[in-house]
């Protein structure tokens, strides 16, 4: 008699399962965010500070090169770069030159780690994780290129609105793409439980 009651209770809870997945997504994302802040802040990336610093410098130069390739070959806009501060300079519509710094903090390494943390800990079959995680890393890198290129292009008509586009438009877009990839994972790649 308990088994039918338990099955009935599970059927009642079935529509709430997506909320549980969303809650787990939010918990994992926020947990990593605060773990990362603690590791980067008070711990200074201990015991890997030098390696992390080198990785961030390498990744920011890669991002700069990818972004200037897109600006040059796809958008064909007039710009110049300064390698000493890794800046992309563009002429705004008001005739003044403005620039975007592609600093080590601009890299997508934190988002890569978010993605790894989320996908490794989130339920699902490893046969799919083994290809979906690397695909997600590539997508995150290219979303970051879109972000830098987009920010650079917005400096042309709106040179004084950098912070608005950086903080509200492109940062939101970045995490929206991560959410969409996770949504594909939950809806298409985690097998339905029977």
C-alpha atoms as a PDB file:
ATOM      1  CA  UNK A   1       0.000   0.000   0.000  1.00  0.00           C
ATOM      2  CA  UNK A   2       2.929   2.377   0.603  1.00  0.00           C
ATOM      3  CA  UNK A   3       4.360   1.796  -2.880  1.00  0.00           C
ATOM      4  CA  UNK A   4       1.321   3.198  -4.789  1.00  0.00           C
ATOM      5  CA  UNK A   5       1.212   6.188  -2.424  1.00  0.00           C
ATOM      6  CA  UNK A   6       4.922   6.821  -2.973  1.00  0.00           C
ATOM      7  CA  UNK A   7       4.490   6.601  -6.756  1.00  0.00           C
ATOM      8  CA  UNK A   8       1.557   8.996  -6.601  1.00  0.00           C
ATOM      9  CA  UNK A   9       3.642  11.440  -4.523  1.00  0.00           C
ATOM     10  CA  UNK A  10       6.526  11.191  -7.026  1.00  0.00           C
ATOM     11  CA  UNK A  11       4.114  11.885  -9.890  1.00  0.00           C
ATOM     12  CA  UNK A  12       2.870  14.970  -8.049  1.00  0.00           C
ATOM     13  CA  UNK A  13       6.461  16.212  -7.685  1.00  0.00           C
ATOM     14  CA  UNK A  14       7.442  15.458 -11.318  1.00  0.00           C
ATOM     15  CA  UNK A  15       6.347  18.905 -12.636  1.00  0.00           C
ATOM     16  CA  UNK A  16       8.619  20.530 -10.034  1.00  0.00           C
ATOM     17  CA  UNK A  17      11.739  18.691 -11.258  1.00  0.00           C
ATOM     18  CA  UNK A  18      12.809  21.546 -13.589  1.00  0.00           C
ATOM     19  CA  UNK A  19      12.743  23.914 -10.604  1.00  0.00           C
ATOM     20  CA  UNK A  20      15.115  21.588  -8.790  1.00  0.00           C
ATOM     21  CA  UNK A  21      17.489  21.707 -11.765  1.00  0.00           C
ATOM     22  CA  UNK A  22      17.315  25.516 -11.864  1.00  0.00           C
ATOM     23  CA  UNK A  23      17.978  25.663  -8.109  1.00  0.00           C
ATOM     24  CA  UNK A  24      20.984  23.345  -8.497  1.00  0.00           C
ATOM     25  CA  UNK A  25      22.249  25.484 -11.402  1.00  0.00           C
ATOM     26  CA  UNK A  26      21.969  28.653  -9.297  1.00  0.00           C
ATOM     27  CA  UNK A  27      23.597  27.040  -6.243  1.00  0.00           C
ATOM     28  CA  UNK A  28      26.532  25.708  -8.278  1.00  0.00           C
ATOM     29  CA  UNK A  29      27.023  29.011 -10.110  1.00  0.00           C
ATOM     30  CA  UNK A  30      26.919  31.106  -6.945  1.00  0.00           C
ATOM     31  CA  UNK A  31      29.073  28.621  -5.023  1.00  0.00           C
ATOM     32  CA  UNK A  32      31.764  28.777  -7.665  1.00  0.00           C
ATOM     33  CA  UNK A  33      31.541  32.573  -7.847  1.00  0.00           C
ATOM     34  CA  UNK A  34      32.265  32.944  -4.133  1.00  0.00           C
ATOM     35  CA  UNK A  35      34.897  30.197  -4.096  1.00  0.00           C
ATOM     36  CA  UNK A  36      36.623  31.944  -6.991  1.00  0.00           C
ATOM     37  CA  UNK A  37      36.465  35.351  -5.262  1.00  0.00           C
ATOM     38  CA  UNK A  38      37.979  33.806  -2.132  1.00  0.00           C
ATOM     39  CA  UNK A  39      40.716  32.016  -4.102  1.00  0.00           C
ATOM     40  CA  UNK A  40      41.508  35.101  -6.210  1.00  0.00           C
ATOM     41  CA  UNK A  41      41.199  37.633  -3.368  1.00  0.00           C
ATOM     42  CA  UNK A  42      42.570  36.668   0.037  1.00  0.00           C
ATOM     43  CA  UNK A  43      44.459  33.631  -1.262  1.00  0.00           C
ATOM     44  CA  UNK A  44      45.860  35.347  -4.359  1.00  0.00           C
ATOM     45  CA  UNK A  45      45.430  32.088  -6.349  1.00  0.00           C
ATOM     46  CA  UNK A  46      47.659  30.269  -3.851  1.00  0.00           C
ATOM     47  CA  UNK A  47      49.513  27.941  -4.527  1.00  0.00           C
ATOM     48  CA  UNK A  48      49.339  28.588  -8.279  1.00  0.00           C
ATOM     49  CA  UNK A  49      49.633  32.389  -8.359  1.00  0.00           C
ATOM     50  CA  UNK A  50      52.471  32.533 -10.890  1.00  0.00           C
ATOM     51  CA  UNK A  51      50.896  29.950 -13.207  1.00  0.00           C
ATOM     52  CA  UNK A  52      47.482  31.627 -13.039  1.00  0.00           C
ATOM     53  CA  UNK A  53      49.051  35.024 -13.746  1.00  0.00           C
ATOM     54  CA  UNK A  54      50.879  33.616 -16.784  1.00  0.00           C
ATOM     55  CA  UNK A  55      47.680  31.919 -17.974  1.00  0.00           C
ATOM     56  CA  UNK A  56      45.674  35.155 -17.668  1.00  0.00           C
ATOM     57  CA  UNK A  57      48.366  37.097 -19.568  1.00  0.00           C
ATOM     58  CA  UNK A  58      48.480  34.476 -22.337  1.00  0.00           C
ATOM     59  CA  UNK A  59      44.665  34.339 -22.547  1.00  0.00           C
ATOM     60  CA  UNK A  60      44.310  38.127 -22.732  1.00  0.00           C
ATOM     61  CA  UNK A  61      46.806  38.290 -25.606  1.00  0.00           C
ATOM     62  CA  UNK A  62      44.934  35.467 -27.374  1.00  0.00           C
ATOM     63  CA  UNK A  63      41.644  37.338 -26.875  1.00  0.00           C
ATOM     64  CA  UNK A  64      43.195  40.552 -28.196  1.00  0.00           C
ATOM     65  CA  UNK A  65      44.495  38.782 -31.320  1.00  0.00           C
ATOM     66  CA  UNK A  66      41.191  37.004 -31.965  1.00  0.00           C
ATOM     67  CA  UNK A  67      39.244  40.239 -31.507  1.00  0.00           C
ATOM     68  CA  UNK A  68      41.444  42.340 -33.790  1.00  0.00           C
ATOM     69  CA  UNK A  69      41.244  39.610 -36.438  1.00  0.00           C
ATOM     70  CA  UNK A  70      37.420  39.833 -36.353  1.00  0.00           C
ATOM     71  CA  UNK A  71      37.485  43.655 -36.347  1.00  0.00           C
ATOM     72  CA  UNK A  72      39.865  43.695 -39.299  1.00  0.00           C
ATOM     73  CA  UNK A  73      38.598  40.801 -41.434  1.00  0.00           C
ATOM     74  CA  UNK A  74      34.863  40.900 -40.745  1.00  0.00           C
ATOM     75  CA  UNK A  75      34.058  44.514 -39.838  1.00  0.00           C
ATOM     76  CA  UNK A  76      36.955  46.176 -41.682  1.00  0.00           C
ATOM     77  CA  UNK A  77      36.961  49.179 -39.337  1.00  0.00           C
ATOM     78  CA  UNK A  78      39.737  51.684 -38.825  1.00  0.00           C
ATOM     79  CA  UNK A  79      41.590  50.896 -35.590  1.00  0.00           C
ATOM     80  CA  UNK A  80      45.049  50.552 -34.149  1.00  0.00           C
ATOM     81  CA  UNK A  81      46.373  48.633 -31.172  1.00  0.00           C
ATOM     82  CA  UNK A  82      48.942  49.330 -28.508  1.00  0.00           C
ATOM     83  CA  UNK A  83      50.514  46.164 -27.200  1.00  0.00           C
ATOM     84  CA  UNK A  84      51.999  47.741 -24.074  1.00  0.00           C
ATOM     85  CA  UNK A  85      48.537  48.105 -22.542  1.00  0.00           C
ATOM     86  CA  UNK A  86      46.733  45.703 -24.924  1.00  0.00           C
ATOM     87  CA  UNK A  87      44.335  48.394 -26.107  1.00  0.00           C
ATOM     88  CA  UNK A  88      42.191  48.581 -29.219  1.00  0.00           C
ATOM     89  CA  UNK A  89      41.811  52.226 -30.333  1.00  0.00           C
ATOM     90  CA  UNK A  90      38.909  53.276 -32.565  1.00  0.00           C
ATOM     91  CA  UNK A  91      37.716  56.636 -33.812  1.00  0.00           C
ATOM     92  CA  UNK A  92      34.276  57.527 -32.493  1.00  0.00           C
ATOM     93  CA  UNK A  93      31.596  59.261 -34.525  1.00  0.00           C
ATOM     94  CA  UNK A  94      32.370  62.541 -32.719  1.00  0.00           C
ATOM     95  CA  UNK A  95      35.909  62.452 -34.172  1.00  0.00           C
ATOM     96  CA  UNK A  96      37.823  61.540 -31.002  1.00  0.00           C
ATOM     97  CA  UNK A  97      39.844  58.393 -30.496  1.00  0.00           C
ATOM     98  CA  UNK A  98      38.697  56.071 -27.757  1.00  0.00           C
ATOM     99  CA  UNK A  99      39.953  52.683 -26.680  1.00  0.00           C
ATOM    100  CA  UNK A 100      39.141  49.356 -25.084  1.00  0.00           C
ATOM    101  CA  UNK A 101      41.682  47.640 -22.831  1.00  0.00           C
ATOM    102  CA  UNK A 102      41.847  43.874 -23.223  1.00  0.00           C
ATOM    103  CA  UNK A 103      43.338  43.182 -19.813  1.00  0.00           C
ATOM    104  CA  UNK A 104      43.886  39.799 -18.151  1.00  0.00           C
ATOM    105  CA  UNK A 105      40.581  40.356 -16.322  1.00  0.00           C
ATOM    106  CA  UNK A 106      38.786  40.368 -19.692  1.00  0.00           C
ATOM    107  CA  UNK A 107      39.604  36.770 -20.445  1.00  0.00           C
ATOM    108  CA  UNK A 108      36.948  34.097 -20.248  1.00  0.00           C
ATOM    109  CA  UNK A 109      39.022  31.927 -17.905  1.00  0.00           C
ATOM    110  CA  UNK A 110      36.680  32.535 -14.977  1.00  0.00           C
ATOM    111  CA  UNK A 111      33.709  31.574 -17.141  1.00  0.00           C
ATOM    112  CA  UNK A 112      35.606  28.495 -18.338  1.00  0.00           C
ATOM    113  CA  UNK A 113      36.065  27.495 -14.711  1.00  0.00           C
ATOM    114  CA  UNK A 114      32.377  28.251 -14.035  1.00  0.00           C
ATOM    115  CA  UNK A 115      31.453  25.947 -16.911  1.00  0.00           C
ATOM    116  CA  UNK A 116      33.809  23.160 -15.782  1.00  0.00           C
ATOM    117  CA  UNK A 117      32.602  23.379 -12.179  1.00  0.00           C
ATOM    118  CA  UNK A 118      28.954  23.391 -13.256  1.00  0.00           C
ATOM    119  CA  UNK A 119      29.197  20.555 -15.754  1.00  0.00           C
ATOM    120  CA  UNK A 120      31.424  18.273 -13.711  1.00  0.00           C
ATOM    121  CA  UNK A 121      29.142  18.512 -10.687  1.00  0.00           C
ATOM    122  CA  UNK A 122      25.822  18.558 -12.530  1.00  0.00           C
ATOM    123  CA  UNK A 123      24.128  15.193 -13.071  1.00  0.00           C
ATOM    124  CA  UNK A 124      24.340  13.580 -16.470  1.00  0.00           C
ATOM    125  CA  UNK A 125      26.140  10.921 -18.478  1.00  0.00           C
ATOM    126  CA  UNK A 126      29.893  11.244 -18.885  1.00  0.00           C
ATOM    127  CA  UNK A 127      29.672   9.998 -22.473  1.00  0.00           C
ATOM    128  CA  UNK A 128      28.035  13.355 -23.278  1.00  0.00           C
ATOM    129  CA  UNK A 129      30.081  15.422 -20.835  1.00  0.00           C
ATOM    130  CA  UNK A 130      33.296  14.365 -22.586  1.00  0.00           C
ATOM    131  CA  UNK A 131      32.319  16.260 -25.744  1.00  0.00           C
ATOM    132  CA  UNK A 132      29.864  18.825 -24.377  1.00  0.00           C
ATOM    133  CA  UNK A 133      32.280  20.359 -21.848  1.00  0.00           C
ATOM    134  CA  UNK A 134      35.027  21.112 -24.445  1.00  0.00           C
ATOM    135  CA  UNK A 135      32.399  22.389 -26.891  1.00  0.00           C
ATOM    136  CA  UNK A 136      31.132  24.722 -24.161  1.00  0.00           C
ATOM    137  CA  UNK A 137      34.664  26.031 -23.554  1.00  0.00           C
ATOM    138  CA  UNK A 138      35.087  26.857 -27.252  1.00  0.00           C
ATOM    139  CA  UNK A 139      31.688  28.573 -27.335  1.00  0.00           C
ATOM    140  CA  UNK A 140      32.546  30.584 -24.208  1.00  0.00           C
ATOM    141  CA  UNK A 141      35.817  31.742 -25.794  1.00  0.00           C
ATOM    142  CA  UNK A 142      34.044  32.889 -28.951  1.00  0.00           C
ATOM    143  CA  UNK A 143      31.287  34.573 -26.977  1.00  0.00           C
ATOM    144  CA  UNK A 144      34.061  36.517 -25.267  1.00  0.00           C
ATOM    145  CA  UNK A 145      35.446  37.536 -28.665  1.00  0.00           C
ATOM    146  CA  UNK A 146      31.932  38.701 -29.611  1.00  0.00           C
ATOM    147  CA  UNK A 147      31.847  40.625 -26.332  1.00  0.00           C
ATOM    148  CA  UNK A 148      35.157  42.430 -26.954  1.00  0.00           C
ATOM    149  CA  UNK A 149      34.319  43.127 -30.600  1.00  0.00           C
ATOM    150  CA  UNK A 150      30.839  44.311 -29.618  1.00  0.00           C
ATOM    151  CA  UNK A 151      32.219  46.598 -26.932  1.00  0.00           C
ATOM    152  CA  UNK A 152      34.727  48.017 -29.397  1.00  0.00           C
ATOM    153  CA  UNK A 153      32.012  48.635 -31.988  1.00  0.00           C
ATOM    154  CA  UNK A 154      29.759  50.347 -29.429  1.00  0.00           C
ATOM    155  CA  UNK A 155      32.561  52.823 -28.683  1.00  0.00           C
ATOM    156  CA  UNK A 156      32.177  54.242 -32.187  1.00  0.00           C
ATOM    157  CA  UNK A 157      28.629  55.644 -31.799  1.00  0.00           C
ATOM    158  CA  UNK A 158      28.558  55.758 -27.973  1.00  0.00           C
ATOM    159  CA  UNK A 159      32.089  56.413 -26.645  1.00  0.00           C
ATOM    160  CA  UNK A 160      30.815  57.470 -23.213  1.00  0.00           C
ATOM    161  CA  UNK A 161      28.556  54.437 -22.688  1.00  0.00           C
ATOM    162  CA  UNK A 162      31.257  51.776 -22.232  1.00  0.00           C
ATOM    163  CA  UNK A 163      30.289  50.867 -18.664  1.00  0.00           C
ATOM    164  CA  UNK A 164      26.623  50.440 -19.523  1.00  0.00           C
ATOM    165  CA  UNK A 165      27.383  48.059 -22.393  1.00  0.00           C
ATOM    166  CA  UNK A 166      30.130  46.257 -20.466  1.00  0.00           C
ATOM    167  CA  UNK A 167      28.250  45.768 -17.206  1.00  0.00           C
ATOM    168  CA  UNK A 168      24.662  45.325 -18.350  1.00  0.00           C
ATOM    169  CA  UNK A 169      24.535  44.193 -21.966  1.00  0.00           C
ATOM    170  CA  UNK A 170      27.571  42.053 -22.685  1.00  0.00           C
ATOM    171  CA  UNK A 171      28.077  40.567 -19.221  1.00  0.00           C
ATOM    172  CA  UNK A 172      24.408  39.531 -19.189  1.00  0.00           C
ATOM    173  CA  UNK A 173      24.792  38.127 -22.709  1.00  0.00           C
ATOM    174  CA  UNK A 174      27.822  36.094 -21.566  1.00  0.00           C
ATOM    175  CA  UNK A 175      25.969  34.396 -18.718  1.00  0.00           C
ATOM    176  CA  UNK A 176      22.827  34.021 -20.826  1.00  0.00           C
ATOM    177  CA  UNK A 177      24.823  31.892 -23.294  1.00  0.00           C
ATOM    178  CA  UNK A 178      26.147  29.746 -20.426  1.00  0.00           C
ATOM    179  CA  UNK A 179      22.562  29.363 -19.208  1.00  0.00           C
ATOM    180  CA  UNK A 180      21.416  28.349 -22.721  1.00  0.00           C
ATOM    181  CA  UNK A 181      24.168  25.729 -22.973  1.00  0.00           C
ATOM    182  CA  UNK A 182      23.147  24.386 -19.573  1.00  0.00           C
ATOM    183  CA  UNK A 183      19.506  24.373 -20.707  1.00  0.00           C
ATOM    184  CA  UNK A 184      20.470  22.266 -23.724  1.00  0.00           C
ATOM    185  CA  UNK A 185      22.265  19.924 -21.334  1.00  0.00           C
ATOM    186  CA  UNK A 186      19.246  19.541 -19.069  1.00  0.00           C
ATOM    187  CA  UNK A 187      16.609  19.245 -21.783  1.00  0.00           C
ATOM    188  CA  UNK A 188      18.440  17.274 -24.483  1.00  0.00           C
ATOM    189  CA  UNK A 189      21.406  15.405 -23.034  1.00  0.00           C
ATOM    190  CA  UNK A 190      20.326  14.183 -19.596  1.00  0.00           C
ATOM    191  CA  UNK A 191      18.361  11.015 -20.269  1.00  0.00           C
ATOM    192  CA  UNK A 192      14.750  10.975 -19.132  1.00  0.00           C
ATOM    193  CA  UNK A 193      14.280   8.962 -15.945  1.00  0.00           C
ATOM    194  CA  UNK A 194      11.535   6.354 -16.164  1.00  0.00           C
END
